[in-house]
């Protein structure tokens, strides 16, 4: 009886692992950084930095 339970657990784990492997996905991450500066007068300087992240996901199927 104990061997049947172990066998069922191993088969279930194998099925879950197979399902996860077959339904993978591909994700692309793009990071864009922009920097600007403004100068006012002789000594005043303002620096502005902006970072934008975007994700593009695609699911791989059979």
N, C-alpha and C. Protein backbone atom coordinates (compact mmCIF):
# COMPACT_ATOMS: atom_id res chain seq x y z
N UNK A 1 0.83 -1.20 0.00
CA UNK A 1 0.00 0.00 0.00
C UNK A 1 0.87 1.26 0.00
N UNK A 2 1.95 1.25 0.78
CA UNK A 2 2.84 2.40 0.86
C UNK A 2 3.54 2.63 -0.49
N UNK A 3 3.88 1.55 -1.21
CA UNK A 3 4.54 1.69 -2.51
C UNK A 3 3.62 2.33 -3.52
N UNK A 4 2.32 2.03 -3.45
CA UNK A 4 1.35 2.64 -4.37
C UNK A 4 1.27 4.15 -4.14
N UNK A 5 1.28 4.56 -2.89
CA UNK A 5 1.22 5.99 -2.59
C UNK A 5 2.46 6.72 -3.09
N UNK A 6 3.62 6.11 -2.92
CA UNK A 6 4.86 6.72 -3.40
C UNK A 6 4.84 6.80 -4.92
N UNK A 7 4.37 5.73 -5.58
CA UNK A 7 4.30 5.72 -7.04
C UNK A 7 3.35 6.80 -7.55
N UNK A 8 2.21 6.95 -6.90
CA UNK A 8 1.24 7.98 -7.30
C UNK A 8 1.85 9.37 -7.11
N UNK A 9 2.58 9.59 -6.01
CA UNK A 9 3.20 10.89 -5.76
C UNK A 9 4.27 11.19 -6.81
N UNK A 10 5.08 10.19 -7.18
CA UNK A 10 6.12 10.39 -8.17
C UNK A 10 5.51 10.71 -9.54
N UNK A 11 4.46 10.00 -9.90
CA UNK A 11 3.79 10.25 -11.18
C UNK A 11 3.17 11.65 -11.19
N UNK A 12 2.56 12.06 -10.08
CA UNK A 12 1.95 13.39 -10.01
C UNK A 12 3.01 14.48 -10.13
N UNK A 13 4.13 14.32 -9.45
CA UNK A 13 5.21 15.31 -9.53
C UNK A 13 5.77 15.36 -10.95
N UNK A 14 5.91 14.22 -11.58
CA UNK A 14 6.38 14.19 -12.97
C UNK A 14 5.42 14.88 -13.92
N UNK A 15 4.13 14.68 -13.71
CA UNK A 15 3.13 15.33 -14.57
C UNK A 15 3.14 16.84 -14.39
N UNK A 16 3.29 17.30 -13.16
CA UNK A 16 3.34 18.74 -12.90
C UNK A 16 4.60 19.34 -13.52
N UNK A 17 5.73 18.66 -13.36
CA UNK A 17 6.97 19.16 -13.94
C UNK A 17 6.89 19.21 -15.46
N UNK A 18 6.27 18.21 -16.07
CA UNK A 18 6.10 18.20 -17.53
C UNK A 18 5.20 19.31 -18.01
N UNK A 19 4.14 19.57 -17.27
CA UNK A 19 3.21 20.65 -17.65
C UNK A 19 3.89 22.01 -17.56
N UNK A 20 4.70 22.20 -16.53
CA UNK A 20 5.40 23.48 -16.38
C UNK A 20 6.44 23.65 -17.49
N UNK A 21 7.13 22.58 -17.84
CA UNK A 21 8.17 22.66 -18.87
C UNK A 21 7.58 22.93 -20.25
N UNK A 22 6.40 22.43 -20.53
CA UNK A 22 5.79 22.60 -21.84
C UNK A 22 5.11 23.96 -22.02
N UNK A 23 4.75 24.59 -20.92
CA UNK A 23 4.07 25.89 -21.01
C UNK A 23 4.96 26.99 -20.46
N UNK A 24 6.15 27.12 -21.00
CA UNK A 24 7.08 28.16 -20.57
C UNK A 24 6.71 29.49 -21.18
N UNK A 25 7.44 30.51 -20.80
CA UNK A 25 7.19 31.83 -21.34
C UNK A 25 8.51 32.55 -21.57
N UNK A 26 8.45 33.57 -22.39
CA UNK A 26 9.63 34.36 -22.73
C UNK A 26 9.31 35.81 -22.38
N UNK A 27 10.15 36.42 -21.54
CA UNK A 27 9.91 37.79 -21.11
C UNK A 27 11.13 38.63 -21.49
N UNK A 28 10.87 39.77 -22.12
CA UNK A 28 11.92 40.71 -22.49
C UNK A 28 11.76 41.97 -21.66
N UNK A 29 12.83 42.39 -21.01
CA UNK A 29 12.80 43.60 -20.19
C UNK A 29 13.65 44.67 -20.86
N UNK A 30 13.06 45.85 -21.04
CA UNK A 30 13.77 46.96 -21.67
C UNK A 30 13.84 48.11 -20.68
N UNK A 31 15.03 48.61 -20.44
CA UNK A 31 15.23 49.74 -19.53
C UNK A 31 15.80 50.90 -20.34
N UNK A 32 15.14 52.06 -20.27
CA UNK A 32 15.58 53.26 -20.97
C UNK A 32 15.84 54.35 -19.94
N UNK A 33 17.01 54.96 -20.01
CA UNK A 33 17.36 56.04 -19.09
C UNK A 33 17.59 57.32 -19.88
N UNK A 34 16.93 58.40 -19.45
CA UNK A 34 17.09 59.70 -20.08
C UNK A 34 17.63 60.67 -19.04
N UNK A 35 18.51 61.54 -19.47
CA UNK A 35 19.08 62.54 -18.56
C UNK A 35 19.07 63.90 -19.25
N UNK A 36 18.63 64.91 -18.51
CA UNK A 36 18.60 66.28 -19.03
C UNK A 36 19.14 67.22 -17.96
N UNK A 37 19.69 68.34 -18.40
CA UNK A 37 20.11 69.34 -17.42
C UNK A 37 19.72 70.72 -17.92
N UNK A 38 19.41 71.56 -16.97
CA UNK A 38 19.05 72.95 -17.25
C UNK A 38 19.99 73.83 -16.45
N UNK A 39 20.53 74.84 -17.09
CA UNK A 39 21.43 75.76 -16.39
C UNK A 39 20.80 77.13 -16.35
N UNK A 40 20.77 77.69 -15.15
CA UNK A 40 20.21 79.03 -14.94
C UNK A 40 21.30 79.89 -14.30
N UNK A 41 21.70 80.90 -14.99
CA UNK A 41 22.75 81.76 -14.46
C UNK A 41 24.12 81.09 -14.57
N UNK A 42 25.03 81.48 -13.69
CA UNK A 42 26.38 80.96 -13.76
C UNK A 42 26.56 79.68 -12.95
N UNK A 43 25.83 79.52 -11.85
CA UNK A 43 26.12 78.40 -10.94
C UNK A 43 24.96 77.45 -10.73
N UNK A 44 23.76 77.83 -11.10
CA UNK A 44 22.59 77.00 -10.83
C UNK A 44 22.42 75.97 -11.94
N UNK A 45 22.35 74.68 -11.56
CA UNK A 45 22.20 73.61 -12.55
C UNK A 45 21.21 72.59 -12.01
N UNK A 46 20.23 72.22 -12.80
CA UNK A 46 19.23 71.22 -12.41
C UNK A 46 19.39 70.00 -13.31
N UNK A 47 19.57 68.84 -12.71
CA UNK A 47 19.73 67.59 -13.47
C UNK A 47 18.48 66.73 -13.25
N UNK A 48 17.88 66.30 -14.34
CA UNK A 48 16.67 65.47 -14.29
C UNK A 48 17.00 64.13 -14.94
N UNK A 49 16.77 63.04 -14.21
CA UNK A 49 17.01 61.70 -14.72
C UNK A 49 15.71 60.91 -14.67
N UNK A 50 15.40 60.20 -15.75
CA UNK A 50 14.16 59.44 -15.84
C UNK A 50 14.50 58.03 -16.34
N UNK A 51 14.02 57.03 -15.63
CA UNK A 51 14.23 55.64 -16.03
C UNK A 51 12.87 55.01 -16.32
N UNK A 52 12.75 54.39 -17.48
CA UNK A 52 11.51 53.75 -17.89
C UNK A 52 11.78 52.26 -18.11
N UNK A 53 10.97 51.40 -17.49
CA UNK A 53 11.09 49.96 -17.69
C UNK A 53 9.83 49.47 -18.39
N UNK A 54 10.01 48.59 -19.36
CA UNK A 54 8.87 47.99 -20.03
C UNK A 54 9.11 46.49 -20.17
N UNK A 55 8.05 45.74 -20.11
CA UNK A 55 8.12 44.29 -20.19
C UNK A 55 7.26 43.80 -21.35
N UNK A 56 7.78 42.84 -22.08
CA UNK A 56 7.05 42.23 -23.18
C UNK A 56 7.08 40.72 -22.95
N UNK A 57 5.93 40.16 -22.62
CA UNK A 57 5.87 38.74 -22.32
C UNK A 57 5.16 37.97 -23.41
N UNK A 58 5.69 36.79 -23.71
CA UNK A 58 5.09 35.94 -24.71
C UNK A 58 5.06 34.52 -24.16
N UNK A 59 3.89 33.90 -24.21
CA UNK A 59 3.76 32.54 -23.71
C UNK A 59 4.07 31.54 -24.82
N UNK A 60 4.97 30.62 -24.53
CA UNK A 60 5.31 29.58 -25.48
C UNK A 60 4.37 28.39 -25.28
N UNK A 61 3.81 27.91 -26.32
CA UNK A 61 2.90 26.76 -26.23
C UNK A 61 3.35 25.64 -27.12
N UNK A 62 2.52 24.64 -27.20
CA UNK A 62 2.84 23.51 -28.06
C UNK A 62 2.59 23.84 -29.45
